[in-house]
Amino acid sequence: MGYLNYTRPHYEMYARLLETYADYQLCLVDEERGYPVAVANCVPLSCRGVEGLPPEGWDWVVETAATRGADEEADTLGALAISVPAIYREKGYARLMIRELLALAERKGLKGLVAPVRPSLKARHPFVAIEDYVTWTDDRGRPYDPWIRSHLASGGRLVGPCVRSMVVEEPVGFWENWTEQRFERSGSYEVAGGLVPLEIDLERQRGRYAEPNVWVAYTVGSA
């Protein structure tokens, strides 16, 4: 979903932010092959309590970290991504990276970790509201979504949805290029990998994708 690189905080701030906080970026390497098997990206930020976490989610973490003033002390680690190549999945590396993020927060003297979690199976249900999706459970009573389940099993607490976690609003032509389809009327369109439909407004010649994620919070030492 390369179009997610076009949220305003992503294309204006993200690369610079990762350079600024290079010592916060984690990589797990298979020493025998010399190949990275997992990567975690995070940044320090100032967070005034998890109950007040905003609906903007991922975009908010990036912008808040990027605009933090020199006199504003960071107290929380904001997780932005945990990536594991497909051939290395189902080996526990993602949960290991969660533990490493918590260990990093502790080393940096931060009180906790917040993560706008991208539910891994939500793309199968793009027309289901995120507020409903997070209530689903499997036949064992656990959260239906495996990535949410992994976070909670690692000591995280589900705070609630962040319904505008990553917002991309661009001309219709941009979306036609990315989706390789033609939009001939306004409306909601399912897009590959999208957690929600793309909203097309032909009168304005704009398309808007507002991806919902789920806030998960950890207290340092909880995993």
C-alpha atoms as a PDB file:
ATOM      1  CA  MET A   1       0.000   0.000   0.000  1.00  0.00           C
ATOM      2  CA  GLY A   2       2.464   2.581  -1.217  1.00  0.00           C
ATOM      3  CA  TYR A   3      -0.202   5.275  -1.140  1.00  0.00           C
ATOM      4  CA  LEU A   4       0.160   5.349   2.663  1.00  0.00           C
ATOM      5  CA  ASN A   5       3.486   7.109   2.109  1.00  0.00           C
ATOM      6  CA  TYR A   6       1.456  10.153   1.065  1.00  0.00           C
ATOM      7  CA  THR A   7      -0.065  11.141   4.375  1.00  0.00           C
ATOM      8  CA  ARG A   8       1.199  14.658   5.051  1.00  0.00           C
ATOM      9  CA  PRO A   9       3.242  13.747   8.160  1.00  0.00           C
ATOM     10  CA  HIS A  10       4.766  10.806   6.305  1.00  0.00           C
ATOM     11  CA  TYR A  11       6.095  12.652   3.277  1.00  0.00           C
ATOM     12  CA  GLU A  12       6.981  15.850   5.159  1.00  0.00           C
ATOM     13  CA  MET A  13       8.470  14.489   8.391  1.00  0.00           C
ATOM     14  CA  TYR A  14       8.976  10.733   8.570  1.00  0.00           C
ATOM     15  CA  ALA A  15      12.376  10.239   6.913  1.00  0.00           C
ATOM     16  CA  ARG A  16      13.914  13.158   8.806  1.00  0.00           C
ATOM     17  CA  LEU A  17      12.420  11.888  12.052  1.00  0.00           C
ATOM     18  CA  LEU A  18      13.982   8.449  11.644  1.00  0.00           C
ATOM     19  CA  GLU A  19      17.348  10.084  11.010  1.00  0.00           C
ATOM     20  CA  THR A  20      16.992  12.318  14.056  1.00  0.00           C
ATOM     21  CA  TYR A  21      16.182   9.334  16.247  1.00  0.00           C
ATOM     22  CA  ALA A  22      18.382   6.756  14.557  1.00  0.00           C
ATOM     23  CA  ASP A  23      19.251   5.259  17.952  1.00  0.00           C
ATOM     24  CA  TYR A  24      15.567   4.388  18.446  1.00  0.00           C
ATOM     25  CA  GLN A  25      15.328   2.195  15.325  1.00  0.00           C
ATOM     26  CA  LEU A  26      15.691  -1.557  15.860  1.00  0.00           C
ATOM     27  CA  CYS A  27      16.697  -4.348  13.494  1.00  0.00           C
ATOM     28  CA  LEU A  28      16.820  -8.076  14.237  1.00  0.00           C
ATOM     29  CA  VAL A  29      19.373  -9.893  12.068  1.00  0.00           C
ATOM     30  CA  ASP A  30      19.792 -13.584  11.291  1.00  0.00           C
ATOM     31  CA  GLU A  31      23.517 -13.831  12.019  1.00  0.00           C
ATOM     32  CA  GLU A  32      24.008 -16.994   9.969  1.00  0.00           C
ATOM     33  CA  ARG A  33      22.603 -15.402   6.810  1.00  0.00           C
ATOM     34  CA  GLY A  34      23.351 -11.778   7.619  1.00  0.00           C
ATOM     35  CA  TYR A  35      19.760 -10.956   6.735  1.00  0.00           C
ATOM     36  CA  PRO A  36      17.326  -8.707   8.640  1.00  0.00           C
ATOM     37  CA  VAL A  37      14.330 -10.702   9.869  1.00  0.00           C
ATOM     38  CA  ALA A  38      12.467  -7.902  11.652  1.00  0.00           C
ATOM     39  CA  VAL A  39      12.543  -4.111  11.903  1.00  0.00           C
ATOM     40  CA  ALA A  40      10.863  -1.819  14.418  1.00  0.00           C
ATOM     41  CA  ASN A  41      10.534   1.951  14.031  1.00  0.00           C
ATOM     42  CA  CYS A  42       9.673   4.233  16.925  1.00  0.00           C
ATOM     43  CA  VAL A  43      10.157   7.767  18.227  1.00  0.00           C
ATOM     44  CA  PRO A  44      10.070   9.494  21.624  1.00  0.00           C
ATOM     45  CA  LEU A  45       7.211  11.883  22.299  1.00  0.00           C
ATOM     46  CA  SER A  46       5.345  13.705  25.028  1.00  0.00           C
ATOM     47  CA  CYS A  47       1.990  12.080  25.802  1.00  0.00           C
ATOM     48  CA  ARG A  48      -0.479  13.508  28.298  1.00  0.00           C
ATOM     49  CA  GLY A  49      -2.064  10.232  29.311  1.00  0.00           C
ATOM     50  CA  VAL A  50      -3.296   7.404  27.130  1.00  0.00           C
ATOM     51  CA  GLU A  51      -6.982   8.100  27.680  1.00  0.00           C
ATOM     52  CA  GLY A  52      -6.604  11.305  25.680  1.00  0.00           C
ATOM     53  CA  LEU A  53      -4.956   9.701  22.655  1.00  0.00           C
ATOM     54  CA  PRO A  54      -6.425  11.316  19.529  1.00  0.00           C
ATOM     55  CA  PRO A  55      -8.204   9.808  16.519  1.00  0.00           C
ATOM     56  CA  GLU A  56      -5.291  10.762  14.240  1.00  0.00           C
ATOM     57  CA  GLY A  57      -3.125   7.846  15.422  1.00  0.00           C
ATOM     58  CA  TRP A  58      -0.029   7.204  13.296  1.00  0.00           C
ATOM     59  CA  ASP A  59      -0.010  10.660  11.736  1.00  0.00           C
ATOM     60  CA  TRP A  60      -0.278  12.185  15.224  1.00  0.00           C
ATOM     61  CA  VAL A  61       2.687  10.193  16.555  1.00  0.00           C
ATOM     62  CA  VAL A  62       4.886  11.380  13.686  1.00  0.00           C
ATOM     63  CA  GLU A  63       3.793  15.008  13.866  1.00  0.00           C
ATOM     64  CA  THR A  64       3.960  15.170  17.671  1.00  0.00           C
ATOM     65  CA  ALA A  65       7.466  13.732  17.749  1.00  0.00           C
ATOM     66  CA  ALA A  66       8.644  15.953  14.886  1.00  0.00           C
ATOM     67  CA  THR A  67       7.343  19.177  16.436  1.00  0.00           C
ATOM     68  CA  ARG A  68       8.310  18.520  20.062  1.00  0.00           C
ATOM     69  CA  GLY A  69      10.015  21.583  21.470  1.00  0.00           C
ATOM     70  CA  ALA A  70      13.450  21.510  23.057  1.00  0.00           C
ATOM     71  CA  ASP A  71      11.888  22.322  26.436  1.00  0.00           C
ATOM     72  CA  GLU A  72       9.240  19.590  26.148  1.00  0.00           C
ATOM     73  CA  GLU A  73      10.482  16.384  27.733  1.00  0.00           C
ATOM     74  CA  ALA A  74       9.610  13.072  26.101  1.00  0.00           C
ATOM     75  CA  ASP A  75       7.922  10.578  28.405  1.00  0.00           C
ATOM     76  CA  THR A  76       6.561   7.936  26.020  1.00  0.00           C
ATOM     77  CA  LEU A  77       7.765   5.802  23.140  1.00  0.00           C
ATOM     78  CA  GLY A  78       5.567   5.969  20.049  1.00  0.00           C
ATOM     79  CA  ALA A  79       5.711   2.801  17.938  1.00  0.00           C
ATOM     80  CA  LEU A  80       5.303   3.388  14.205  1.00  0.00           C
ATOM     81  CA  ALA A  81       5.983   0.037  12.568  1.00  0.00           C
ATOM     82  CA  ILE A  82       7.066  -3.531  13.128  1.00  0.00           C
ATOM     83  CA  SER A  83       7.943  -5.222   9.846  1.00  0.00           C
ATOM     84  CA  VAL A  84       8.757  -8.894   9.290  1.00  0.00           C
ATOM     85  CA  PRO A  85       9.432 -10.312   5.784  1.00  0.00           C
ATOM     86  CA  ALA A  86       6.847 -12.895   4.751  1.00  0.00           C
ATOM     87  CA  ILE A  87       9.302 -15.812   4.832  1.00  0.00           C
ATOM     88  CA  TYR A  88      10.120 -15.055   8.488  1.00  0.00           C
ATOM     89  CA  ARG A  89       6.586 -14.679   9.804  1.00  0.00           C
ATOM     90  CA  GLU A  90       4.952 -17.074  12.271  1.00  0.00           C
ATOM     91  CA  LYS A  91       8.284 -17.415  14.104  1.00  0.00           C
ATOM     92  CA  GLY A  92       7.572 -15.075  17.000  1.00  0.00           C
ATOM     93  CA  TYR A  93       9.779 -12.253  15.712  1.00  0.00           C
ATOM     94  CA  ALA A  94       7.018  -9.645  15.864  1.00  0.00           C
ATOM     95  CA  ARG A  95       6.368 -10.333  19.543  1.00  0.00           C
ATOM     96  CA  LEU A  96      10.102 -10.286  20.166  1.00  0.00           C
ATOM     97  CA  MET A  97      10.247  -6.799  18.655  1.00  0.00           C
ATOM     98  CA  ILE A  98       7.420  -5.669  20.946  1.00  0.00           C
ATOM     99  CA  ARG A  99       9.521  -6.793  23.910  1.00  0.00           C
ATOM    100  CA  GLU A 100      12.546  -5.004  22.476  1.00  0.00           C
ATOM    101  CA  LEU A 101      10.550  -1.788  22.089  1.00  0.00           C
ATOM    102  CA  LEU A 102       9.553  -1.982  25.744  1.00  0.00           C
ATOM    103  CA  ALA A 103      13.156  -2.640  26.733  1.00  0.00           C
ATOM    104  CA  LEU A 104      14.231   0.373  24.670  1.00  0.00           C
ATOM    105  CA  ALA A 105      11.636   2.563  26.390  1.00  0.00           C
ATOM    106  CA  GLU A 106      12.981   1.452  29.764  1.00  0.00           C
ATOM    107  CA  ARG A 107      16.587   2.151  28.754  1.00  0.00           C
ATOM    108  CA  LYS A 108      15.598   5.625  27.595  1.00  0.00           C
ATOM    109  CA  GLY A 109      13.814   6.359  30.873  1.00  0.00           C
ATOM    110  CA  LEU A 110      10.351   6.549  29.291  1.00  0.00           C
ATOM    111  CA  LYS A 111       7.250   5.560  31.238  1.00  0.00           C
ATOM    112  CA  GLY A 112       5.376   3.708  28.528  1.00  0.00           C
ATOM    113  CA  LEU A 113       4.719   2.811  24.923  1.00  0.00           C
ATOM    114  CA  VAL A 114       1.784   3.704  22.693  1.00  0.00           C
ATOM    115  CA  ALA A 115       1.135   2.095  19.320  1.00  0.00           C
ATOM    116  CA  PRO A 116      -1.430   2.852  16.598  1.00  0.00           C
ATOM    117  CA  VAL A 117      -1.806  -0.795  15.629  1.00  0.00           C
ATOM    118  CA  ARG A 118      -2.803  -1.705  12.075  1.00  0.00           C
ATOM    119  CA  PRO A 119      -5.109  -4.742  12.390  1.00  0.00           C
ATOM    120  CA  SER A 120      -3.722  -7.453  10.142  1.00  0.00           C
ATOM    121  CA  LEU A 121      -7.048  -8.929   8.988  1.00  0.00           C
ATOM    122  CA  LYS A 122      -9.118  -5.752   8.751  1.00  0.00           C
ATOM    123  CA  ALA A 123      -8.492  -5.545   4.986  1.00  0.00           C
ATOM    124  CA  ARG A 124     -10.710  -8.616   4.622  1.00  0.00           C
ATOM    125  CA  HIS A 125     -13.589  -6.603   6.084  1.00  0.00           C
ATOM    126  CA  PRO A 126     -13.246  -3.058   4.675  1.00  0.00           C
ATOM    127  CA  PHE A 127     -16.910  -2.157   5.131  1.00  0.00           C
ATOM    128  CA  VAL A 128     -17.016  -3.149   8.816  1.00  0.00           C
ATOM    129  CA  ALA A 129     -16.616  -0.212  11.206  1.00  0.00           C
ATOM    130  CA  ILE A 130     -13.402  -0.391  13.222  1.00  0.00           C
ATOM    131  CA  GLU A 131     -15.463   0.114  16.391  1.00  0.00           C
ATOM    132  CA  ASP A 132     -17.261  -3.152  15.632  1.00  0.00           C
ATOM    133  CA  TYR A 133     -14.200  -4.989  14.342  1.00  0.00           C
ATOM    134  CA  VAL A 134     -12.267  -4.584  17.592  1.00  0.00           C
ATOM    135  CA  THR A 135     -15.072  -6.312  19.510  1.00  0.00           C
ATOM    136  CA  TRP A 136     -14.854  -9.515  17.450  1.00  0.00           C
ATOM    137  CA  THR A 137     -13.482 -12.605  19.165  1.00  0.00           C
ATOM    138  CA  ASP A 138     -12.383 -16.052  18.032  1.00  0.00           C
ATOM    139  CA  ASP A 139     -13.793 -19.358  19.290  1.00  0.00           C
ATOM    140  CA  ARG A 140     -11.511 -19.129  22.325  1.00  0.00           C
ATOM    141  CA  GLY A 141     -12.751 -15.708  23.325  1.00  0.00           C
ATOM    142  CA  ARG A 142      -9.575 -13.951  22.244  1.00  0.00           C
ATOM    143  CA  PRO A 143      -9.491 -10.904  19.963  1.00  0.00           C
ATOM    144  CA  TYR A 144     -10.261 -12.001  16.406  1.00  0.00           C
ATOM    145  CA  ASP A 145      -7.409 -10.035  14.876  1.00  0.00           C
ATOM    146  CA  PRO A 146      -4.044 -11.798  15.338  1.00  0.00           C
ATOM    147  CA  TRP A 147      -1.960  -8.618  15.504  1.00  0.00           C
ATOM    148  CA  ILE A 148      -4.208  -7.071  18.145  1.00  0.00           C
ATOM    149  CA  ARG A 149      -4.119 -10.430  19.928  1.00  0.00           C
ATOM    150  CA  SER A 150      -0.304 -10.428  19.872  1.00  0.00           C
ATOM    151  CA  HIS A 151      -0.159  -6.977  21.416  1.00  0.00           C
ATOM    152  CA  LEU A 152      -2.566  -7.841  24.209  1.00  0.00           C
ATOM    153  CA  ALA A 153      -0.753 -11.123  24.887  1.00  0.00           C
ATOM    154  CA  SER A 154       2.456  -9.081  25.178  1.00  0.00           C
ATOM    155  CA  GLY A 155       1.011  -6.927  27.946  1.00  0.00           C
ATOM    156  CA  GLY A 156      -0.650  -4.168  25.949  1.00  0.00           C
ATOM    157  CA  ARG A 157      -3.995  -2.619  26.783  1.00  0.00           C
ATOM    158  CA  LEU A 158      -6.563  -1.824  24.116  1.00  0.00           C
ATOM    159  CA  VAL A 159      -7.377   1.872  24.480  1.00  0.00           C
ATOM    160  CA  GLY A 160      -9.691   2.229  21.485  1.00  0.00           C
ATOM    161  CA  PRO A 161      -9.820   3.005  17.769  1.00  0.00           C
ATOM    162  CA  CYS A 162      -7.961   5.867  16.134  1.00  0.00           C
ATOM    163  CA  VAL A 163     -10.296   6.327  13.196  1.00  0.00           C
ATOM    164  CA  ARG A 164      -8.124   8.775  11.208  1.00  0.00           C
ATOM    165  CA  SER A 165      -4.750   7.197  11.871  1.00  0.00           C
ATOM    166  CA  MET A 166      -3.386   7.694   8.347  1.00  0.00           C
ATOM    167  CA  VAL A 167      -5.169  10.078   5.987  1.00  0.00           C
ATOM    168  CA  VAL A 168      -4.318  10.452   2.314  1.00  0.00           C
ATOM    169  CA  GLU A 169      -6.291  12.978   0.260  1.00  0.00           C
ATOM    170  CA  GLU A 170      -5.178  13.402  -3.335  1.00  0.00           C
ATOM    171  CA  PRO A 171      -6.591  14.117  -6.825  1.00  0.00           C
ATOM    172  CA  VAL A 172      -8.648  11.384  -8.453  1.00  0.00           C
ATOM    173  CA  GLY A 173      -5.853  10.814 -10.986  1.00  0.00           C
ATOM    174  CA  PHE A 174      -3.479   9.897  -8.170  1.00  0.00           C
ATOM    175  CA  TRP A 175      -5.856   7.179  -7.017  1.00  0.00           C
ATOM    176  CA  GLU A 176      -6.486   5.918 -10.535  1.00  0.00           C
ATOM    177  CA  ASN A 177      -2.741   5.460 -10.966  1.00  0.00           C
ATOM    178  CA  TRP A 178      -2.338   3.620  -7.675  1.00  0.00           C
ATOM    179  CA  THR A 179      -5.394   1.391  -7.988  1.00  0.00           C
ATOM    180  CA  GLU A 180      -5.232   0.878 -11.770  1.00  0.00           C
ATOM    181  CA  GLN A 181      -8.948   1.461 -12.025  1.00  0.00           C
ATOM    182  CA  ARG A 182     -11.138   4.210 -13.421  1.00  0.00           C
ATOM    183  CA  PHE A 183     -13.546   6.086 -11.154  1.00  0.00           C
ATOM    184  CA  GLU A 184     -16.553   7.201 -13.179  1.00  0.00           C
ATOM    185  CA  ARG A 185     -18.845   8.137 -10.295  1.00  0.00           C
ATOM    186  CA  SER A 186     -18.547   9.384  -6.750  1.00  0.00           C
ATOM    187  CA  GLY A 187     -18.780   6.800  -4.004  1.00  0.00           C
ATOM    188  CA  SER A 188     -16.971   4.264  -1.845  1.00  0.00           C
ATOM    189  CA  TYR A 189     -14.499   1.916  -3.513  1.00  0.00           C
ATOM    190  CA  GLU A 190     -12.685  -1.080  -2.130  1.00  0.00           C
ATOM    191  CA  VAL A 191      -8.927  -0.883  -2.762  1.00  0.00           C
ATOM    192  CA  ALA A 192      -6.342  -3.646  -2.486  1.00  0.00           C
ATOM    193  CA  GLY A 193      -4.966  -3.816   1.039  1.00  0.00           C
ATOM    194  CA  GLY A 194      -7.188  -1.010   2.276  1.00  0.00           C
ATOM    195  CA  LEU A 195      -8.725  -1.321   5.720  1.00  0.00           C
ATOM    196  CA  VAL A 196     -11.634   0.895   4.685  1.00  0.00           C
ATOM    197  CA  PRO A 197     -13.046   2.012   1.341  1.00  0.00           C
ATOM    198  CA  LEU A 198     -11.582   4.875  -0.653  1.00  0.00           C
ATOM    199  CA  GLU A 199     -14.035   7.779  -0.877  1.00  0.00           C
ATOM    200  CA  ILE A 200     -14.166   9.392  -4.326  1.00  0.00           C
ATOM    201  CA  ASP A 201     -15.745  12.819  -4.887  1.00  0.00           C
ATOM    202  CA  LEU A 202     -15.802  13.572  -8.610  1.00  0.00           C
ATOM    203  CA  GLU A 203     -17.307  17.016  -8.110  1.00  0.00           C
ATOM    204  CA  ARG A 204     -14.197  18.039  -6.176  1.00  0.00           C
ATOM    205  CA  GLN A 205     -11.971  15.680  -8.193  1.00  0.00           C
ATOM    206  CA  ARG A 206     -10.567  14.339  -4.937  1.00  0.00           C
ATOM    207  CA  GLY A 207     -10.204  10.951  -3.317  1.00  0.00           C
ATOM    208  CA  ARG A 208      -9.776  10.422   0.420  1.00  0.00           C
ATOM    209  CA  TYR A 209      -8.555   7.360   2.263  1.00  0.00           C
ATOM    210  CA  ALA A 210      -8.794   7.602   6.061  1.00  0.00           C
ATOM    211  CA  GLU A 211      -7.324   4.470   7.591  1.00  0.00           C
ATOM    212  CA  PRO A 212      -8.389   3.448  11.086  1.00  0.00           C
ATOM    213  CA  ASN A 213      -5.957   1.810  13.477  1.00  0.00           C
ATOM    214  CA  VAL A 214      -6.278   0.780  17.113  1.00  0.00           C
ATOM    215  CA  TRP A 215      -4.503   2.427  20.025  1.00  0.00           C
ATOM    216  CA  VAL A 216      -2.654  -0.020  22.273  1.00  0.00           C
ATOM    217  CA  ALA A 217      -0.781   1.210  25.350  1.00  0.00           C
ATOM    218  CA  TYR A 218       1.892  -0.421  27.482  1.00  0.00           C
ATOM    219  CA  THR A 219       3.398   0.451  30.819  1.00  0.00           C
ATOM    220  CA  VAL A 220       7.154  -0.059  30.814  1.00  0.00           C
ATOM    221  CA  GLY A 221       7.934  -3.386  32.461  1.00  0.00           C
ATOM    222  CA  SER A 222       4.541  -4.903  31.544  1.00  0.00           C
ATOM    223  CA  ALA A 223       5.819  -7.491  29.051  1.00  0.00           C
END
